[in-house]
């Protein structure tokens, strides 16, 4: 089978389109013929050697896959050959096939295609738990969502509305992306590529600041976002897409009882009581039409390097997908 892998850290050019042995499903595993693989900032961080946890080389990226079960190993009870499934996995998703434990599989509902299904696990669960579990968003509270036209952002905007947020302030770098965020349910729009964007956030909140902020850009955007927090405000950090780490004085949080909280989805996945119920809730929102996922582009697996360039160049709206 064909896979995308890298044997050294670096830019998109280190991604190799190469051959690999098709895996055999072990006991309690199924072999998925992959129809769509999700692309995420975590993949680019892995490639650059900047991920939260170490990446062992050589490495095949890809944490989200959707497809059809091609084979089942011994002991598999809940699925059979031909079932349409979606899964959140550790790695090996940039491939034509992958073997996974049946416990990580979720059936793809009727009427949901593979591209839509693969856009949900990582970014949907992230948006859900950033807002609800870590951000503790309450009905009526204001929320600031950076990169609101991206994968996590577009879902977070919709979930904030479903969770009863008051002011939903979306930021993005272009008017086109801001228009998309508005169509998802954002009530206020701010271009964070322009000077003084933090002042605009304060104006929107009548000087009070926001109750919850979602931040994954890093650098100065992080520091400006801290200044946007209301008393008892919570900033949830879940990435540094700019590649720049921020430094700040934690003592500045004391005066207004503010919090900066880290989020890492694998920790949520270690608590089945958290992720299983939330994933079902997300699928229900999708099935009812309350949650809509925009696909920013579906590309051949062989073009993974170019897709990484597009993602890191902030030239896309919505979820990017690779198709073997």
Protein backbone atom coordinates (compact mmCIF):
# COMPACT_ATOMS: atom_id res chain seq x y z
CA UNK A 1 0.00 0.00 0.00
CA UNK A 2 1.00 3.67 -0.25
CA UNK A 3 1.69 5.89 2.77
CA UNK A 4 3.01 9.35 3.58
CA UNK A 5 5.86 9.28 6.09
CA UNK A 6 8.81 11.38 7.25
CA UNK A 7 12.21 10.20 8.44
CA UNK A 8 13.50 13.58 9.63
CA UNK A 9 11.94 16.72 11.03
CA UNK A 10 11.49 19.74 8.83
CA UNK A 11 9.22 21.50 6.37
CA UNK A 12 6.56 19.94 4.15
CA UNK A 13 9.28 18.71 1.80
CA UNK A 14 10.26 15.96 4.28
CA UNK A 15 6.96 14.16 3.65
CA UNK A 16 7.57 11.12 1.45
CA UNK A 17 5.05 9.31 -0.79
CA UNK A 18 6.25 5.73 -0.44
CA UNK A 19 5.36 2.04 -0.22
CA UNK A 20 4.66 0.10 2.98
CA UNK A 21 3.34 -3.32 3.95
CA UNK A 22 -0.43 -3.47 4.32
CA UNK A 23 -1.12 -4.27 7.99
CA UNK A 24 -2.88 -7.39 9.18
CA UNK A 25 -5.60 -6.96 11.82
CA UNK A 26 -4.62 -8.51 15.15
CA UNK A 27 -7.04 -9.87 17.73
CA UNK A 28 -9.86 -7.38 18.38
CA UNK A 29 -8.67 -5.22 15.48
CA UNK A 30 -10.19 -4.35 12.12
CA UNK A 31 -8.47 -3.32 8.90
CA UNK A 32 -9.93 -0.09 7.51
CA UNK A 33 -9.71 0.76 3.83
CA UNK A 34 -9.29 4.50 4.29
CA UNK A 35 -11.54 6.75 2.23
CA UNK A 36 -10.62 10.03 3.93
CA UNK A 37 -7.91 11.19 6.35
CA UNK A 38 -8.10 14.43 8.32
CA UNK A 39 -5.29 16.99 8.27
CA UNK A 40 -4.55 18.93 11.45
CA UNK A 41 -2.03 21.35 12.94
CA UNK A 42 -0.93 18.48 15.18
CA UNK A 43 0.35 16.77 12.01
CA UNK A 44 2.49 19.78 11.08
CA UNK A 45 3.79 20.03 14.65
CA UNK A 46 4.74 16.34 14.52
CA UNK A 47 6.53 16.92 11.22
CA UNK A 48 8.51 19.83 12.67
CA UNK A 49 9.40 18.00 15.88
CA UNK A 50 7.39 20.54 17.88
CA UNK A 51 4.56 18.33 19.12
CA UNK A 52 3.54 18.25 22.79
CA UNK A 53 4.98 14.73 23.16
CA UNK A 54 8.06 13.30 21.36
CA UNK A 55 7.66 11.88 17.86
CA UNK A 56 9.64 8.73 17.10
CA UNK A 57 11.06 8.52 13.58
CA UNK A 58 10.19 7.30 11.01
CA UNK A 59 6.60 8.44 11.43
CA UNK A 60 3.36 8.17 9.46
CA UNK A 61 1.12 11.06 10.53
CA UNK A 62 -2.67 11.11 10.59
CA UNK A 63 -4.97 10.82 13.60
CA UNK A 64 -8.38 10.82 11.90
CA UNK A 65 -9.59 8.22 9.43
CA UNK A 66 -12.91 7.28 7.90
CA UNK A 67 -13.54 4.36 5.61
CA UNK A 68 -14.84 0.84 5.15
CA UNK A 69 -13.86 -2.22 7.16
CA UNK A 70 -11.94 -4.49 4.78
CA UNK A 71 -11.09 -7.29 7.25
CA UNK A 72 -11.79 -8.21 10.86
CA UNK A 73 -9.43 -9.92 13.27
CA UNK A 74 -10.40 -12.67 15.68
CA UNK A 75 -12.52 -11.57 18.61
CA UNK A 76 -14.13 -8.60 16.88
CA UNK A 77 -17.76 -8.48 18.01
CA UNK A 78 -19.24 -5.07 17.25
CA UNK A 79 -18.32 -4.58 13.58
CA UNK A 80 -18.15 -6.57 10.37
CA UNK A 81 -16.66 -6.33 6.90
CA UNK A 82 -18.26 -3.55 4.87
CA UNK A 83 -19.23 -1.33 7.82
CA UNK A 84 -18.66 2.42 7.37
CA UNK A 85 -16.64 3.73 10.32
CA UNK A 86 -14.68 6.70 11.64
CA UNK A 87 -11.86 6.59 14.18
CA UNK A 88 -9.51 8.81 16.14
CA UNK A 89 -6.11 7.09 16.34
CA UNK A 90 -2.55 7.87 17.44
CA UNK A 91 -0.90 7.83 13.99
CA UNK A 92 -0.71 6.04 10.60
CA UNK A 93 -3.75 7.78 9.10
CA UNK A 94 -1.93 9.09 5.99
CA UNK A 95 -2.21 5.71 4.29
CA UNK A 96 -4.45 3.50 2.18
CA UNK A 97 -5.13 1.07 5.03
CA UNK A 98 -4.81 1.06 8.81
CA UNK A 99 -5.45 -1.58 11.49
CA UNK A 100 -7.16 -0.30 14.64
CA UNK A 101 -8.77 -1.69 17.78
CA UNK A 102 -12.53 -1.97 17.39
CA UNK A 103 -13.01 0.02 20.61
CA UNK A 104 -11.94 3.25 18.91
CA UNK A 105 -14.45 2.88 16.06
CA UNK A 106 -17.70 4.77 15.65
CA UNK A 107 -20.25 3.95 12.91
CA UNK A 108 -20.69 6.64 10.29
CA UNK A 109 -24.39 7.62 10.34
CA UNK A 110 -26.52 7.29 7.21
CA UNK A 111 -26.43 10.46 5.15
CA UNK A 112 -22.96 11.47 6.39
CA UNK A 113 -20.17 11.06 3.83
CA UNK A 114 -16.59 10.10 4.71
CA UNK A 115 -15.23 13.63 4.30
CA UNK A 116 -17.79 15.00 6.75
CA UNK A 117 -17.25 12.13 9.17
CA UNK A 118 -13.47 12.52 9.27
CA UNK A 119 -13.81 16.24 10.02
CA UNK A 120 -15.48 15.53 13.35
CA UNK A 121 -13.35 13.40 15.75
CA UNK A 122 -10.27 15.43 16.58
CA UNK A 123 -11.56 18.93 15.98
CA UNK A 124 -15.12 18.27 17.11
CA UNK A 125 -14.05 16.66 20.37
CA UNK A 126 -11.45 19.40 20.86
CA UNK A 127 -13.96 22.21 20.35
CA UNK A 128 -16.46 20.51 22.65
CA UNK A 129 -14.08 19.96 25.55
CA UNK A 130 -12.22 23.25 25.17
CA UNK A 131 -15.51 25.07 25.57
CA UNK A 132 -17.32 22.87 28.07
CA UNK A 133 -14.81 20.80 30.07
CA UNK A 134 -11.85 23.19 30.25
CA UNK A 135 -13.46 26.56 29.50
CA UNK A 136 -16.55 25.80 31.63
CA UNK A 137 -18.67 27.97 29.34
CA UNK A 138 -21.99 28.91 30.94
CA UNK A 139 -25.15 30.12 29.14
CA UNK A 140 -25.02 33.85 28.51
CA UNK A 141 -21.23 34.12 28.79
CA UNK A 142 -19.12 35.73 26.07
CA UNK A 143 -16.54 33.73 24.14
CA UNK A 144 -13.62 34.72 21.90
CA UNK A 145 -12.70 32.19 19.21
CA UNK A 146 -9.49 32.70 17.24
CA UNK A 147 -9.03 31.19 13.75
CA UNK A 148 -12.81 30.85 13.69
CA UNK A 149 -12.91 29.68 10.08
CA UNK A 150 -10.54 26.78 10.73
CA UNK A 151 -11.33 23.21 11.66
CA UNK A 152 -11.71 23.67 15.42
CA UNK A 153 -12.91 27.24 15.08
CA UNK A 154 -15.90 26.62 12.82
CA UNK A 155 -17.14 23.87 15.14
CA UNK A 156 -16.47 25.92 18.28
CA UNK A 157 -18.56 28.81 16.94
CA UNK A 158 -21.53 26.50 16.34
CA UNK A 159 -21.16 24.70 19.67
CA UNK A 160 -20.88 27.98 21.57
CA UNK A 161 -24.24 28.93 20.09
CA UNK A 162 -25.73 25.53 20.94
CA UNK A 163 -24.38 25.82 24.49
CA UNK A 164 -26.14 29.16 24.91
CA UNK A 165 -23.24 31.61 24.77
CA UNK A 166 -24.07 35.30 24.64
CA UNK A 167 -21.58 37.21 22.51
CA UNK A 168 -19.62 34.92 20.18
CA UNK A 169 -16.63 36.93 18.96
CA UNK A 170 -14.86 35.33 16.01
CA UNK A 171 -11.44 36.35 14.74
CA UNK A 172 -9.79 35.49 11.43
CA UNK A 173 -7.23 36.99 9.08
CA UNK A 174 -9.41 37.80 6.05
CA UNK A 175 -12.87 39.14 5.29
CA UNK A 176 -13.76 35.87 3.55
CA UNK A 177 -12.94 33.85 6.65
CA UNK A 178 -14.87 36.27 8.86
CA UNK A 179 -17.92 35.94 6.60
CA UNK A 180 -17.72 32.18 7.00
CA UNK A 181 -17.55 32.52 10.79
CA UNK A 182 -20.64 34.74 10.70
CA UNK A 183 -22.51 32.12 8.66
CA UNK A 184 -21.66 29.58 11.39
CA UNK A 185 -23.25 31.75 14.10
CA UNK A 186 -20.67 34.30 15.23
CA UNK A 187 -22.28 37.47 16.54
CA UNK A 188 -19.22 39.73 16.26
CA UNK A 189 -16.26 39.69 13.86
CA UNK A 190 -12.68 40.90 14.35
CA UNK A 191 -9.74 40.74 11.94
CA UNK A 192 -6.75 39.82 14.10
CA UNK A 193 -4.26 40.66 11.35
CA UNK A 194 -5.05 44.36 11.91
CA UNK A 195 -3.57 46.55 14.61
CA UNK A 196 -5.71 47.14 17.66
CA UNK A 197 -7.84 44.01 17.35
CA UNK A 198 -7.73 43.43 21.11
CA UNK A 199 -9.15 46.90 21.68
CA UNK A 200 -12.05 46.00 19.38
CA UNK A 201 -12.76 42.93 21.51
CA UNK A 202 -12.86 45.11 24.61
CA UNK A 203 -15.21 47.54 22.85
CA UNK A 204 -17.57 44.72 21.88
CA UNK A 205 -17.72 43.61 25.52
CA UNK A 206 -18.14 47.22 26.72
CA UNK A 207 -14.75 47.14 28.37
CA UNK A 208 -15.40 44.04 30.46
CA UNK A 209 -13.59 41.45 28.34
CA UNK A 210 -14.58 37.89 27.47
CA UNK A 211 -15.43 35.03 29.81
CA UNK A 212 -13.82 32.31 27.71
CA UNK A 213 -11.13 32.58 25.01
CA UNK A 214 -9.87 29.86 22.67
CA UNK A 215 -6.26 30.42 21.62
CA UNK A 216 -4.10 28.34 19.29
CA UNK A 217 -1.99 30.92 17.44
CA UNK A 218 0.71 31.66 20.00
CA UNK A 219 3.17 34.53 20.17
CA UNK A 220 1.75 38.02 20.53
CA UNK A 221 -1.79 36.80 19.82
CA UNK A 222 -1.65 34.88 23.11
CA UNK A 223 -0.48 37.92 25.07
CA UNK A 224 -3.13 40.16 23.52
CA UNK A 225 -5.78 37.55 24.28
CA UNK A 226 -4.85 37.52 27.96
CA UNK A 227 -5.58 41.26 27.97
CA UNK A 228 -9.05 40.52 26.56
CA UNK A 229 -10.13 38.42 29.56
CA UNK A 230 -12.91 39.51 31.90
CA UNK A 231 -12.75 39.04 35.66
CA UNK A 232 -12.82 35.25 36.27
CA UNK A 233 -12.08 34.82 32.54
CA UNK A 234 -10.61 31.53 31.26
CA UNK A 235 -8.17 31.32 28.36
CA UNK A 236 -7.77 27.81 26.96
CA UNK A 237 -4.58 27.29 24.95
CA UNK A 238 -4.52 24.33 22.55
CA UNK A 239 -1.75 25.05 20.10
CA UNK A 240 0.76 27.51 18.63
CA UNK A 241 0.05 27.54 14.90
CA UNK A 242 2.34 30.52 14.35
CA UNK A 243 5.26 28.46 15.63
CA UNK A 244 5.94 31.15 18.22
CA UNK A 245 5.74 30.38 21.93
CA UNK A 246 4.53 33.16 24.17
CA UNK A 247 5.94 34.32 27.48
CA UNK A 248 3.96 36.27 30.05
CA UNK A 249 3.93 37.18 33.71
CA UNK A 250 1.47 34.84 35.44
CA UNK A 251 1.12 37.34 38.25
CA UNK A 252 -1.03 39.49 35.98
CA UNK A 253 -3.79 36.90 36.31
CA UNK A 254 -4.16 37.45 40.03
CA UNK A 255 -5.82 40.86 40.01
CA UNK A 256 -8.93 39.64 38.18
CA UNK A 257 -8.97 35.94 39.19
CA UNK A 258 -8.22 34.87 35.61
CA UNK A 259 -7.00 31.49 34.39
CA UNK A 260 -4.84 30.16 31.55
CA UNK A 261 -5.64 26.50 30.94
CA UNK A 262 -3.90 23.97 28.71
CA UNK A 263 -5.81 21.47 26.57
CA UNK A 264 -4.49 18.22 25.06
CA UNK A 265 -7.10 15.89 23.57
CA UNK A 266 -5.27 12.59 24.31
CA UNK A 267 -5.80 13.27 28.02
CA UNK A 268 -9.56 13.46 27.36
CA UNK A 269 -9.38 10.20 25.40
CA UNK A 270 -7.98 8.47 28.49
CA UNK A 271 -11.30 9.18 30.22
CA UNK A 272 -13.97 7.18 28.33
CA UNK A 273 -16.74 8.74 30.38
CA UNK A 274 -15.75 12.11 28.91
CA UNK A 275 -15.20 11.38 25.23
CA UNK A 276 -17.80 8.68 24.52
CA UNK A 277 -20.82 10.71 25.61
CA UNK A 278 -19.52 13.89 24.00
CA UNK A 279 -18.82 12.18 20.66
CA UNK A 280 -22.35 10.79 20.62
CA UNK A 281 -23.67 14.29 21.34
CA UNK A 282 -21.64 15.67 18.44
CA UNK A 283 -22.93 12.99 16.07
CA UNK A 284 -26.49 13.77 17.16
CA UNK A 285 -25.91 17.47 16.41
CA UNK A 286 -24.60 16.49 12.97
CA UNK A 287 -27.48 14.14 12.23
CA UNK A 288 -30.03 16.79 13.20
CA UNK A 289 -28.36 19.44 11.07
CA UNK A 290 -27.49 21.64 14.06
CA UNK A 291 -23.77 21.11 13.38
CA UNK A 292 -22.44 21.68 9.89
CA UNK A 293 -18.86 20.95 8.88
CA UNK A 294 -17.32 22.79 5.95
CA UNK A 295 -14.69 20.92 3.96
CA UNK A 296 -12.03 23.37 2.84
CA UNK A 297 -10.62 20.95 0.30
CA UNK A 298 -10.16 17.24 -0.44
CA UNK A 299 -6.79 16.37 -1.99
CA UNK A 300 -5.05 13.19 -3.17
CA UNK A 301 -2.94 11.59 -0.43
CA UNK A 302 0.13 12.03 -2.59
CA UNK A 303 -0.25 15.82 -2.27
CA UNK A 304 0.10 15.85 1.52
CA UNK A 305 3.12 18.17 1.41
CA UNK A 306 1.20 20.82 -0.52
CA UNK A 307 -1.76 20.48 1.84
CA UNK A 308 0.56 21.11 4.81
CA UNK A 309 1.81 24.25 3.05
CA UNK A 310 -1.75 25.46 2.53
CA UNK A 311 -2.71 24.80 6.14
CA UNK A 312 0.30 26.57 7.60
CA UNK A 313 -0.05 29.43 5.14
CA UNK A 314 -3.51 30.17 6.57
CA UNK A 315 -4.91 30.06 3.03
CA UNK A 316 -7.82 27.74 3.71
CA UNK A 317 -11.29 27.77 5.24
CA UNK A 318 -12.68 24.70 6.96
CA UNK A 319 -11.36 21.17 7.19
CA UNK A 320 -8.66 19.81 4.88
CA UNK A 321 -8.93 16.15 3.89
CA UNK A 322 -6.63 13.69 2.14
CA UNK A 323 -8.09 10.92 -0.02
CA UNK A 324 -6.03 7.80 -0.87
